Every structure is written in C-alpha cells, then in structure tokens.
Amino acid sequence: MRIIEAAQITEAVAQLAIKANYYLNPDLYEALVKGREMEESPIGKEIFEILIKNAEIAREEEMAICQDTGMAVVFMEIGQDVHIVGGNLEDAVNAGVAKGYLEGYLRKSVVEEPLFNRVNTKNNTPAVIHVSIVPGDKVKIVLAPKGFGSENMSALRMFKPSDGIEAIKKFVVDTVVNAGSNPCPPIVIGIGIGGTMEKAALLAKKALIRPLNIRNSHPQYAALEQELLELVNNTGIGPQGLGGRITALAVNIEWFPTHIAGLPVAININCHATRHAEIEL
C-alpha cells in the first residue's frame, strides 16, 4: 500500500491548471504549423500565423492562451494500491483548481447554480472529476480546461443500429456545419461511440486528450477518423469560419461495447487550443 497525501494532489492539480492554460501541447502546436502549410486560403494562412504567434506569446510570457480558461475537467487514474490520506479526494482536487486559477490569474468562469442563481464561485470550482481505479500504486491526473464556445457546440444522438455508419458521418458533418465559427476553428473533434448515453459523452471528452498524431488502435476506427477529417475539411468553413481548407486539425474516436438495441454517438468539439496537461504521482 502506497500513501499519498491529499495536499500533494492539491499542489499537482494547481500546477496542471496553470500549465494547461499557459502552454499549448506540442502536438497541437505542430498541428497548427502543419495546418498553416496546408491551408490554401490567404486569410486562412494569416489566421494560422496569428494562432501560432498567440501560442508562442502565451508560452514565453506565461499567460493564458485564451481568455476563456474554461471549466476544469479532471481525469484521474488511481492505482488500487494507493491510499490517500490527509483529506477528501474531491476536496483536494477542487482546492488545487482554486489555487491554480487564483495564482495563475486565470479567469473564473463557474457559477454555483446553473439555472436560478448564476453567481460566480470566484475560484473556478467545482471541477468536473472523473475517477478510474486501475492496477498499481500510482495516480495519474489529467486536467483539461474546457471553454464553452466549443462545449456549447457539442451534440449527442441515440442512433438505432440500423441507422449505420452513414448516419454517423452525416451527424458529425452536420454538427460541425451548425457550429460554424462559434468554436473558433480549426477545431479538434472528439467522438464517443457506444456504451450508454453518458458513457458516449465521456468517451468523446476523453478522445480530446489523446495526442493528435496518434490514431485509434482499431484499424476501422482509425480509417473512420481520417475519413471524417476529410469530410469536415471539405465543408469549407475554414480557420475562424472565414473560409478555407482546414476546418479541423483532427478527429479522435473512442469506442465502447454497447447494447444490442443501441448506437449512442456523442460529439465533443474543442477549439484550436485543445488544452490539457498531465502528471503521474
């Protein structure tokens, strides 16, 4: 049994909140550079230049890549041989989010109640926390700030198995077209297929934290990722919705077994700054 202090988790989450918002992941930066080379529209190329420069300034000056520093989504893989002491796990994570957002001068965007009393919590908590128990004695934490310009453009549909793959392709393209410029393209598209309604949505969210240069290990899903990317980029929406060749930088799909009567599909869209940072304790 390995002991980990709750305070250690708090400090790790605080640092991840700052890191994720300040420093664009290398795979995202490389995708922007590649997108600039592939983009055919002059204004699209100019937008890529601006996005690349923005990421460089954020890194060098240690400031947020985007003013919308998102709602903190935290994925945790906790080894079954770990014992957390000195505090409640959820409280430790939320304390870390509050610390990181306050010390990093990151915008606080969370309201304490969604419908009747939308008062800002003033420290960007609570986070949305997903915990998995895995073998071993380590704790892996991934923090992904999720801005709502893109989150609002996401979608979920409960297809019947008979609807088939063509219906899914149309659903993805229609969702992107409906989103237009709102999610600040070029976007990254996470897709979850299978499970139940909530599982498909979680898979779509998790798909966004997979590196853009790694395709699904299942060859048919890998081929579908590439086909969907081409279909989306053929819409002509382009960078920032001003027309062009590159509407999306990547399409990532995650899947899970499902019921014989169902085919759940969720689409989680993210902007060009698909931010996330991770640590293993």
Protein backbone atom coordinates (compact mmCIF):
# COMPACT_ATOMS: atom_id res chain seq x y z
CA MET A 1 0.00 0.00 0.00
CA ARG A 2 1.37 3.41 -1.02
CA ILE A 3 0.39 6.52 0.89
CA ILE A 4 -0.25 9.80 -0.97
CA GLU A 5 -1.13 12.99 0.87
CA ALA A 6 -4.18 14.91 -0.28
CA ALA A 7 -2.04 18.06 -0.17
CA GLN A 8 0.23 16.54 -2.83
CA ILE A 9 -2.78 16.10 -5.12
CA THR A 10 -3.85 19.70 -4.47
CA GLU A 11 -0.44 21.05 -5.45
CA ALA A 12 -0.26 18.86 -8.55
CA VAL A 13 -3.71 19.98 -9.76
CA ALA A 14 -2.81 23.64 -9.17
CA GLN A 15 0.29 23.31 -11.34
CA LEU A 16 -1.66 21.46 -14.05
CA ALA A 17 -4.28 24.22 -14.18
CA ILE A 18 -1.59 26.79 -14.88
CA LYS A 19 0.41 24.61 -17.26
CA ALA A 20 -2.62 23.62 -19.33
CA ASN A 21 -3.70 27.23 -19.77
CA TYR A 22 -0.24 28.69 -20.46
CA TYR A 23 1.48 26.13 -22.65
CA LEU A 24 -0.03 24.66 -25.80
CA ASN A 25 0.78 20.96 -26.10
CA PRO A 26 3.49 20.14 -28.68
CA ASP A 27 1.14 18.02 -30.81
CA LEU A 28 -1.32 20.95 -31.03
CA TYR A 29 1.43 23.40 -31.90
CA GLU A 30 2.76 21.07 -34.60
CA ALA A 31 -0.76 20.65 -35.98
CA LEU A 32 -1.11 24.43 -36.28
CA VAL A 33 2.19 24.66 -38.13
CA LYS A 34 1.14 21.85 -40.46
CA GLY A 35 -2.26 23.47 -40.92
CA ARG A 36 -0.61 26.74 -41.97
CA GLU A 37 1.31 24.84 -44.65
CA MET A 38 -1.77 23.00 -45.92
CA GLU A 39 -4.21 25.92 -45.83
CA GLU A 40 -4.97 27.30 -49.30
CA SER A 41 -6.84 30.46 -48.31
CA PRO A 42 -4.65 33.57 -47.84
CA ILE A 43 -6.77 34.80 -44.94
CA GLY A 44 -6.74 31.28 -43.52
CA LYS A 45 -2.94 31.23 -43.60
CA GLU A 46 -2.90 34.59 -41.85
CA ILE A 47 -5.17 33.26 -39.11
CA PHE A 48 -2.87 30.28 -38.59
CA GLU A 49 0.03 32.71 -38.25
CA ILE A 50 -1.86 34.61 -35.57
CA LEU A 51 -2.79 31.43 -33.67
CA ILE A 52 0.80 30.20 -33.73
CA LYS A 53 2.11 33.57 -32.57
CA ASN A 54 -0.52 33.68 -29.83
CA ALA A 55 0.61 30.29 -28.52
CA GLU A 56 4.24 31.43 -28.58
CA ILE A 57 3.47 34.65 -26.68
CA ALA A 58 1.46 32.71 -24.07
CA ARG A 59 4.37 30.32 -23.55
CA GLU A 60 7.08 32.97 -23.43
CA GLU A 61 5.16 35.49 -21.32
CA GLU A 62 3.49 32.83 -19.16
CA MET A 63 -0.08 33.94 -19.65
CA ALA A 64 -3.30 32.27 -20.71
CA ILE A 65 -3.56 31.12 -24.32
CA CYS A 66 -7.24 32.20 -24.34
CA GLN A 67 -9.30 34.49 -22.13
CA ASP A 68 -11.80 31.67 -21.63
CA THR A 69 -9.77 29.47 -19.30
CA GLY A 70 -12.63 27.03 -19.15
CA MET A 71 -14.26 24.78 -16.63
CA ALA A 72 -11.70 22.36 -15.23
CA VAL A 73 -12.31 18.76 -16.27
CA VAL A 74 -10.12 16.36 -14.31
CA PHE A 75 -9.46 12.73 -15.23
CA MET A 76 -7.84 10.62 -12.53
CA GLU A 77 -6.50 7.07 -12.73
CA ILE A 78 -5.91 5.90 -9.17
CA GLY A 79 -3.97 2.74 -8.52
CA GLN A 80 -5.83 0.25 -6.34
CA ASP A 81 -2.76 0.04 -4.09
CA VAL A 82 -2.89 3.76 -3.27
CA HIS A 83 -4.28 5.12 -0.03
CA ILE A 84 -4.99 8.86 0.06
CA VAL A 85 -4.65 10.44 3.49
CA GLY A 86 -4.97 13.90 4.96
CA GLY A 87 -8.21 14.90 3.30
CA ASN A 88 -11.05 14.08 0.93
CA LEU A 89 -10.03 13.42 -2.69
CA GLU A 90 -12.68 15.64 -4.27
CA ASP A 91 -11.90 18.47 -1.86
CA ALA A 92 -8.19 18.12 -2.65
CA VAL A 93 -8.82 18.39 -6.40
CA ASN A 94 -11.09 21.41 -6.03
CA ALA A 95 -8.58 23.10 -3.72
CA GLY A 96 -5.97 22.59 -6.44
CA VAL A 97 -8.20 24.08 -9.12
CA ALA A 98 -8.90 27.12 -6.91
CA LYS A 99 -5.20 27.55 -6.13
CA GLY A 100 -4.12 27.25 -9.74
CA TYR A 101 -6.75 29.61 -11.11
CA LEU A 102 -6.08 32.22 -8.43
CA GLU A 103 -2.28 32.08 -8.55
CA GLY A 104 -2.21 31.80 -12.35
CA TYR A 105 -4.52 34.82 -12.81
CA LEU A 106 -6.87 32.66 -14.83
CA ARG A 107 -10.45 33.76 -15.50
CA LYS A 108 -13.00 32.29 -13.13
CA SER A 109 -15.99 31.17 -15.17
CA VAL A 110 -18.01 28.79 -12.98
CA VAL A 111 -21.38 29.71 -11.49
CA GLU A 112 -22.60 28.00 -8.34
CA GLU A 113 -26.03 27.01 -9.67
CA PRO A 114 -26.89 26.69 -13.36
CA LEU A 115 -30.45 27.98 -13.66
CA PHE A 116 -31.82 30.15 -10.84
CA ASN A 117 -28.80 31.63 -9.08
CA ARG A 118 -25.94 32.05 -11.53
CA VAL A 119 -23.47 33.61 -9.08
CA ASN A 120 -19.76 33.19 -9.82
CA THR A 121 -17.93 30.92 -7.36
CA LYS A 122 -14.87 33.21 -7.79
CA ASN A 123 -12.31 30.39 -7.88
CA ASN A 124 -13.48 28.29 -10.87
CA THR A 125 -14.64 25.41 -8.70
CA PRO A 126 -16.08 22.88 -8.59
CA ALA A 127 -14.23 20.87 -11.20
CA VAL A 128 -15.83 18.04 -13.17
CA ILE A 129 -13.98 14.98 -11.88
CA HIS A 130 -13.82 11.52 -13.46
CA VAL A 131 -12.09 8.78 -11.46
CA SER A 132 -10.99 5.33 -12.64
CA ILE A 133 -9.47 2.66 -10.41
CA VAL A 134 -6.56 0.89 -12.11
CA PRO A 135 -3.88 -1.62 -11.09
CA GLY A 136 -0.73 -0.32 -9.41
CA ASP A 137 0.34 2.30 -6.89
CA LYS A 138 0.41 5.45 -9.00
CA VAL A 139 -2.01 8.33 -9.50
CA LYS A 140 -2.30 9.86 -12.97
CA ILE A 141 -4.04 13.22 -13.23
CA VAL A 142 -5.07 14.92 -16.48
CA LEU A 143 -6.57 18.41 -16.29
CA ALA A 144 -8.36 19.72 -19.36
CA PRO A 145 -9.79 23.27 -19.20
CA LYS A 146 -12.92 23.28 -21.37
CA GLY A 147 -14.08 26.58 -22.81
CA PHE A 148 -17.77 26.82 -23.60
CA GLY A 149 -17.60 28.45 -27.01
CA SER A 150 -16.78 24.95 -28.21
CA GLU A 151 -18.57 22.97 -25.48
CA ASN A 152 -21.87 24.60 -26.45
CA MET A 153 -21.48 23.24 -29.99
CA SER A 154 -21.27 19.61 -28.89
CA ALA A 155 -24.03 17.09 -29.54
CA LEU A 156 -25.30 13.61 -28.67
CA ARG A 157 -27.64 11.31 -30.52
CA MET A 158 -29.04 7.89 -29.73
CA PHE A 159 -29.00 6.13 -33.09
CA LYS A 160 -30.53 2.75 -33.83
CA PRO A 161 -28.06 0.13 -35.04
CA SER A 162 -29.87 0.06 -38.39
CA ASP A 163 -29.01 3.74 -38.95
CA GLY A 164 -25.46 2.65 -39.68
CA ILE A 165 -22.20 4.41 -40.36
CA GLU A 166 -23.50 6.84 -42.99
CA ALA A 167 -25.89 8.36 -40.46
CA ILE A 168 -22.98 8.88 -38.08
CA LYS A 169 -20.91 10.60 -40.76
CA LYS A 170 -23.81 12.92 -41.58
CA PHE A 171 -24.33 13.66 -37.88
CA VAL A 172 -20.70 14.69 -37.47
CA VAL A 173 -20.63 16.91 -40.55
CA ASP A 174 -24.00 18.49 -39.73
CA THR A 175 -22.83 19.24 -36.18
CA VAL A 176 -19.69 20.95 -37.46
CA VAL A 177 -21.63 22.96 -40.06
CA ASN A 178 -24.14 24.04 -37.42
CA ALA A 179 -21.26 25.10 -35.16
CA GLY A 180 -19.73 27.27 -37.87
CA SER A 181 -17.32 29.81 -36.44
CA ASN A 182 -18.58 29.54 -32.85
CA PRO A 183 -16.00 27.02 -31.57
CA CYS A 184 -13.06 29.03 -33.02
CA PRO A 185 -11.88 26.68 -35.77
CA PRO A 186 -9.64 24.99 -36.67
CA ILE A 187 -11.23 22.60 -34.21
CA VAL A 188 -10.43 19.23 -32.71
CA ILE A 189 -13.35 16.80 -32.70
CA GLY A 190 -13.73 14.11 -30.05
CA ILE A 191 -16.26 11.39 -30.82
CA GLY A 192 -17.56 8.72 -28.46
CA ILE A 193 -19.35 5.70 -29.90
CA GLY A 194 -21.05 3.02 -27.82
CA GLY A 195 -21.81 2.40 -24.18
CA THR A 196 -24.81 4.32 -22.86
CA MET A 197 -25.79 7.97 -23.24
CA GLU A 198 -23.42 9.22 -20.53
CA LYS A 199 -20.63 6.82 -21.50
CA ALA A 200 -20.62 8.05 -25.10
CA ALA A 201 -20.31 11.65 -23.87
CA LEU A 202 -17.44 10.72 -21.57
CA LEU A 203 -15.68 8.87 -24.38
CA ALA A 204 -15.98 11.95 -26.61
CA LYS A 205 -14.43 14.12 -23.90
CA LYS A 206 -11.61 11.65 -23.32
CA ALA A 207 -10.95 11.47 -27.06
CA LEU A 208 -9.90 15.13 -26.97
CA ILE A 209 -6.94 14.42 -24.69
CA ARG A 210 -5.44 11.79 -26.99
CA PRO A 211 -2.42 13.22 -28.90
CA LEU A 212 -3.44 14.34 -32.36
CA ASN A 213 -0.70 12.31 -34.03
CA ILE A 214 -1.95 9.00 -32.58
CA ARG A 215 -4.77 7.26 -34.41
CA ASN A 216 -7.22 4.80 -32.88
CA SER A 217 -5.60 1.38 -32.44
CA HIS A 218 -8.58 -0.29 -34.17
CA PRO A 219 -7.90 -0.01 -37.94
CA GLN A 220 -11.52 0.57 -38.91
CA TYR A 221 -11.96 3.37 -36.40
CA ALA A 222 -8.61 4.83 -37.46
CA ALA A 223 -9.83 4.88 -41.07
CA LEU A 224 -13.11 6.48 -39.97
CA GLU A 225 -11.18 9.21 -38.11
CA GLN A 226 -9.34 10.08 -41.32
CA GLU A 227 -12.47 9.95 -43.46
CA LEU A 228 -14.39 12.21 -41.08
CA LEU A 229 -11.50 14.68 -41.00
CA GLU A 230 -11.60 14.91 -44.79
CA LEU A 231 -15.39 15.32 -44.82
CA VAL A 232 -15.23 18.09 -42.21
CA ASN A 233 -12.44 19.89 -44.04
CA ASN A 234 -14.46 19.72 -47.25
CA THR A 235 -17.16 21.90 -45.66
CA GLY A 236 -15.07 25.00 -46.42
CA ILE A 237 -15.75 26.61 -43.02
CA GLY A 238 -12.04 27.20 -42.58
CA PRO A 239 -10.00 28.93 -39.87
CA GLN A 240 -12.21 31.09 -37.64
CA GLY A 241 -15.11 30.38 -40.00
CA LEU A 242 -13.76 32.68 -42.70
CA GLY A 243 -13.41 30.01 -45.36
CA GLY A 244 -10.57 27.71 -46.22
CA ARG A 245 -9.29 24.17 -46.39
CA ILE A 246 -8.61 23.42 -42.71
CA THR A 247 -11.71 23.42 -40.53
CA ALA A 248 -10.46 20.69 -38.18
CA LEU A 249 -6.97 19.65 -37.08
CA ALA A 250 -8.01 16.14 -36.08
CA VAL A 251 -10.88 13.77 -35.38
CA ASN A 252 -10.34 11.36 -32.48
CA ILE A 253 -12.75 8.50 -31.83
CA GLU A 254 -13.07 6.37 -28.70
CA TRP A 255 -15.50 3.44 -28.55
CA PHE A 256 -17.03 1.05 -26.03
CA PRO A 257 -19.28 -2.03 -26.23
CA THR A 258 -22.97 -1.23 -26.28
CA HIS A 259 -26.45 -2.75 -26.08
CA ILE A 260 -27.83 -4.79 -28.99
CA ALA A 261 -30.59 -2.20 -29.47
CA GLY A 262 -28.46 0.93 -29.36
CA LEU A 263 -25.79 3.01 -31.07
CA PRO A 264 -25.04 6.08 -28.93
CA VAL A 265 -22.82 8.73 -30.56
CA ALA A 266 -21.51 11.86 -28.85
CA ILE A 267 -19.53 14.69 -30.41
CA ASN A 268 -17.42 16.96 -28.22
CA ILE A 269 -15.89 19.87 -30.10
CA ASN A 270 -12.86 21.80 -28.94
CA CYS A 271 -11.22 24.92 -30.30
CA HIS A 272 -7.75 25.11 -31.83
CA ALA A 273 -6.32 25.31 -28.29
CA THR A 274 -7.32 21.86 -27.07
CA ARG A 275 -5.66 22.37 -23.69
CA HIS A 276 -4.67 19.64 -21.28
CA ALA A 277 -1.77 18.74 -19.01
CA GLU A 278 -0.96 15.62 -17.04
CA ILE A 279 1.20 14.31 -14.21
CA GLU A 280 1.84 10.97 -12.56
CA LEU A 281 2.35 10.84 -8.81
